[in-house]
Amino acid sequence: MTTEHTQPLTLERMRQDIAAILGESPDQLESDDNLLDWGLDSMRIFNLSVEWNKTGLELRFADLAETPTLDGWWQQVQRQQSGA
């Protein structure tokens, strides 16, 4: 993962970042998979949120931990990106 991103966060980038932190192929992750079952722990969730927040989002660790699926996280991103 890089240190600064000026473009909006995309679903594909999220999938790639999650897969990279897990050491898996992005195409293995289904959108509704419980990422905790894949071995994603609290420290990794925190690290992802810090990285993604560099795009201008304000993703909170607690919110991500509450819905540990790619779909759940993408919904949070979309709400923030749309200003909802």
C-alpha atoms as a PDB file:
ATOM      1  CA  MET A   1       0.000   0.000   0.000  1.00  0.00           C
ATOM      2  CA  THR A   2       1.205   3.484  -0.748  1.00  0.00           C
ATOM      3  CA  THR A   3       1.221   6.427   1.600  1.00  0.00           C
ATOM      4  CA  GLU A   4      -0.986   8.993  -0.162  1.00  0.00           C
ATOM      5  CA  HIS A   5      -3.910   8.610  -2.540  1.00  0.00           C
ATOM      6  CA  THR A   6      -5.588  11.512  -4.252  1.00  0.00           C
ATOM      7  CA  GLN A   7      -8.237   9.501  -6.083  1.00  0.00           C
ATOM      8  CA  PRO A   8     -11.461   8.305  -4.473  1.00  0.00           C
ATOM      9  CA  LEU A   9     -11.401   4.880  -2.900  1.00  0.00           C
ATOM     10  CA  THR A  10     -12.821   2.207  -5.213  1.00  0.00           C
ATOM     11  CA  LEU A  11     -14.329  -1.180  -4.494  1.00  0.00           C
ATOM     12  CA  GLU A  12     -11.576  -2.810  -6.534  1.00  0.00           C
ATOM     13  CA  ARG A  13      -8.845  -1.082  -4.548  1.00  0.00           C
ATOM     14  CA  MET A  14     -10.492  -2.144  -1.304  1.00  0.00           C
ATOM     15  CA  ARG A  15     -10.614  -5.755  -2.506  1.00  0.00           C
ATOM     16  CA  GLN A  16      -6.959  -5.594  -3.547  1.00  0.00           C
ATOM     17  CA  ASP A  17      -5.836  -4.015  -0.269  1.00  0.00           C
ATOM     18  CA  ILE A  18      -7.720  -6.582   1.816  1.00  0.00           C
ATOM     19  CA  ALA A  19      -6.347  -9.465  -0.236  1.00  0.00           C
ATOM     20  CA  ALA A  20      -2.810  -8.088   0.011  1.00  0.00           C
ATOM     21  CA  ILE A  21      -2.950  -7.733   3.791  1.00  0.00           C
ATOM     22  CA  LEU A  22      -4.268 -11.321   4.015  1.00  0.00           C
ATOM     23  CA  GLY A  23      -1.791 -12.719   1.492  1.00  0.00           C
ATOM     24  CA  GLU A  24      -4.622 -13.924  -0.746  1.00  0.00           C
ATOM     25  CA  SER A  25      -5.701 -13.368  -4.340  1.00  0.00           C
ATOM     26  CA  PRO A  26      -8.326 -10.608  -4.727  1.00  0.00           C
ATOM     27  CA  ASP A  27     -10.567 -12.846  -6.835  1.00  0.00           C
ATOM     28  CA  GLN A  28     -10.897 -15.288  -3.928  1.00  0.00           C
ATOM     29  CA  LEU A  29     -12.698 -12.733  -1.756  1.00  0.00           C
ATOM     30  CA  GLU A  30     -16.456 -12.632  -2.151  1.00  0.00           C
ATOM     31  CA  SER A  31     -18.210  -9.371  -1.339  1.00  0.00           C
ATOM     32  CA  ASP A  32     -20.265 -10.940   1.453  1.00  0.00           C
ATOM     33  CA  ASP A  33     -17.478 -13.025   3.036  1.00  0.00           C
ATOM     34  CA  ASN A  34     -16.939 -12.373   6.727  1.00  0.00           C
ATOM     35  CA  LEU A  35     -13.393 -11.025   6.631  1.00  0.00           C
ATOM     36  CA  LEU A  36     -12.789 -12.152  10.208  1.00  0.00           C
ATOM     37  CA  ASP A  37     -13.190 -15.712   8.944  1.00  0.00           C
ATOM     38  CA  TRP A  38     -10.372 -14.994   6.482  1.00  0.00           C
ATOM     39  CA  GLY A  39      -8.123 -14.067   9.407  1.00  0.00           C
ATOM     40  CA  LEU A  40      -8.489 -10.294   9.328  1.00  0.00           C
ATOM     41  CA  ASP A  41      -7.841  -9.129  12.871  1.00  0.00           C
ATOM     42  CA  SER A  42      -8.400  -5.806  14.613  1.00  0.00           C
ATOM     43  CA  MET A  43      -4.907  -4.489  13.898  1.00  0.00           C
ATOM     44  CA  ARG A  44      -5.254  -5.172  10.190  1.00  0.00           C
ATOM     45  CA  ILE A  45      -8.698  -3.543  10.106  1.00  0.00           C
ATOM     46  CA  PHE A  46      -7.222  -0.505  11.830  1.00  0.00           C
ATOM     47  CA  ASN A  47      -4.332  -0.373   9.346  1.00  0.00           C
ATOM     48  CA  LEU A  48      -6.733  -0.549   6.399  1.00  0.00           C
ATOM     49  CA  SER A  49      -8.878   2.248   7.828  1.00  0.00           C
ATOM     50  CA  VAL A  50      -5.836   4.465   8.338  1.00  0.00           C
ATOM     51  CA  GLU A  51      -4.709   3.858   4.759  1.00  0.00           C
ATOM     52  CA  TRP A  52      -8.148   4.396   3.252  1.00  0.00           C
ATOM     53  CA  ASN A  53      -8.734   7.547   5.290  1.00  0.00           C
ATOM     54  CA  LYS A  54      -5.813   9.089   3.419  1.00  0.00           C
ATOM     55  CA  THR A  55      -8.242   9.386   0.490  1.00  0.00           C
ATOM     56  CA  GLY A  56     -10.271  11.908   2.495  1.00  0.00           C
ATOM     57  CA  LEU A  57     -12.698   9.474   4.124  1.00  0.00           C
ATOM     58  CA  GLU A  58     -13.404   9.173   7.839  1.00  0.00           C
ATOM     59  CA  LEU A  59     -13.856   5.424   8.234  1.00  0.00           C
ATOM     60  CA  ARG A  60     -13.952   4.503  11.889  1.00  0.00           C
ATOM     61  CA  PHE A  61     -12.455   1.267  13.117  1.00  0.00           C
ATOM     62  CA  ALA A  62     -15.553   0.501  15.215  1.00  0.00           C
ATOM     63  CA  ASP A  63     -17.840   0.809  12.175  1.00  0.00           C
ATOM     64  CA  LEU A  64     -15.621  -1.433  10.072  1.00  0.00           C
ATOM     65  CA  ALA A  65     -15.371  -4.013  12.848  1.00  0.00           C
ATOM     66  CA  GLU A  66     -19.167  -4.039  13.159  1.00  0.00           C
ATOM     67  CA  THR A  67     -19.696  -5.001   9.502  1.00  0.00           C
ATOM     68  CA  PRO A  68     -16.618  -7.042   8.504  1.00  0.00           C
ATOM     69  CA  THR A  69     -17.565  -7.691   4.877  1.00  0.00           C
ATOM     70  CA  LEU A  70     -16.416  -5.974   1.714  1.00  0.00           C
ATOM     71  CA  ASP A  71     -20.059  -5.114   0.945  1.00  0.00           C
ATOM     72  CA  GLY A  72     -20.543  -3.566   4.383  1.00  0.00           C
ATOM     73  CA  TRP A  73     -17.397  -1.514   4.100  1.00  0.00           C
ATOM     74  CA  TRP A  74     -18.170  -0.410   0.554  1.00  0.00           C
ATOM     75  CA  GLN A  75     -21.592   0.833   1.682  1.00  0.00           C
ATOM     76  CA  GLN A  76     -19.880   3.010   4.288  1.00  0.00           C
ATOM     77  CA  VAL A  77     -17.493   4.381   1.667  1.00  0.00           C
ATOM     78  CA  GLN A  78     -20.318   5.130  -0.754  1.00  0.00           C
ATOM     79  CA  ARG A  79     -22.276   6.997   1.917  1.00  0.00           C
ATOM     80  CA  GLN A  80     -19.298   9.186   2.670  1.00  0.00           C
ATOM     81  CA  GLN A  81     -18.332   9.726  -0.957  1.00  0.00           C
ATOM     82  CA  SER A  82     -21.882  10.756  -1.821  1.00  0.00           C
ATOM     83  CA  GLY A  83     -22.045  13.096   1.163  1.00  0.00           C
ATOM     84  CA  ALA A  84     -24.961  11.210   2.724  1.00  0.00           C
END
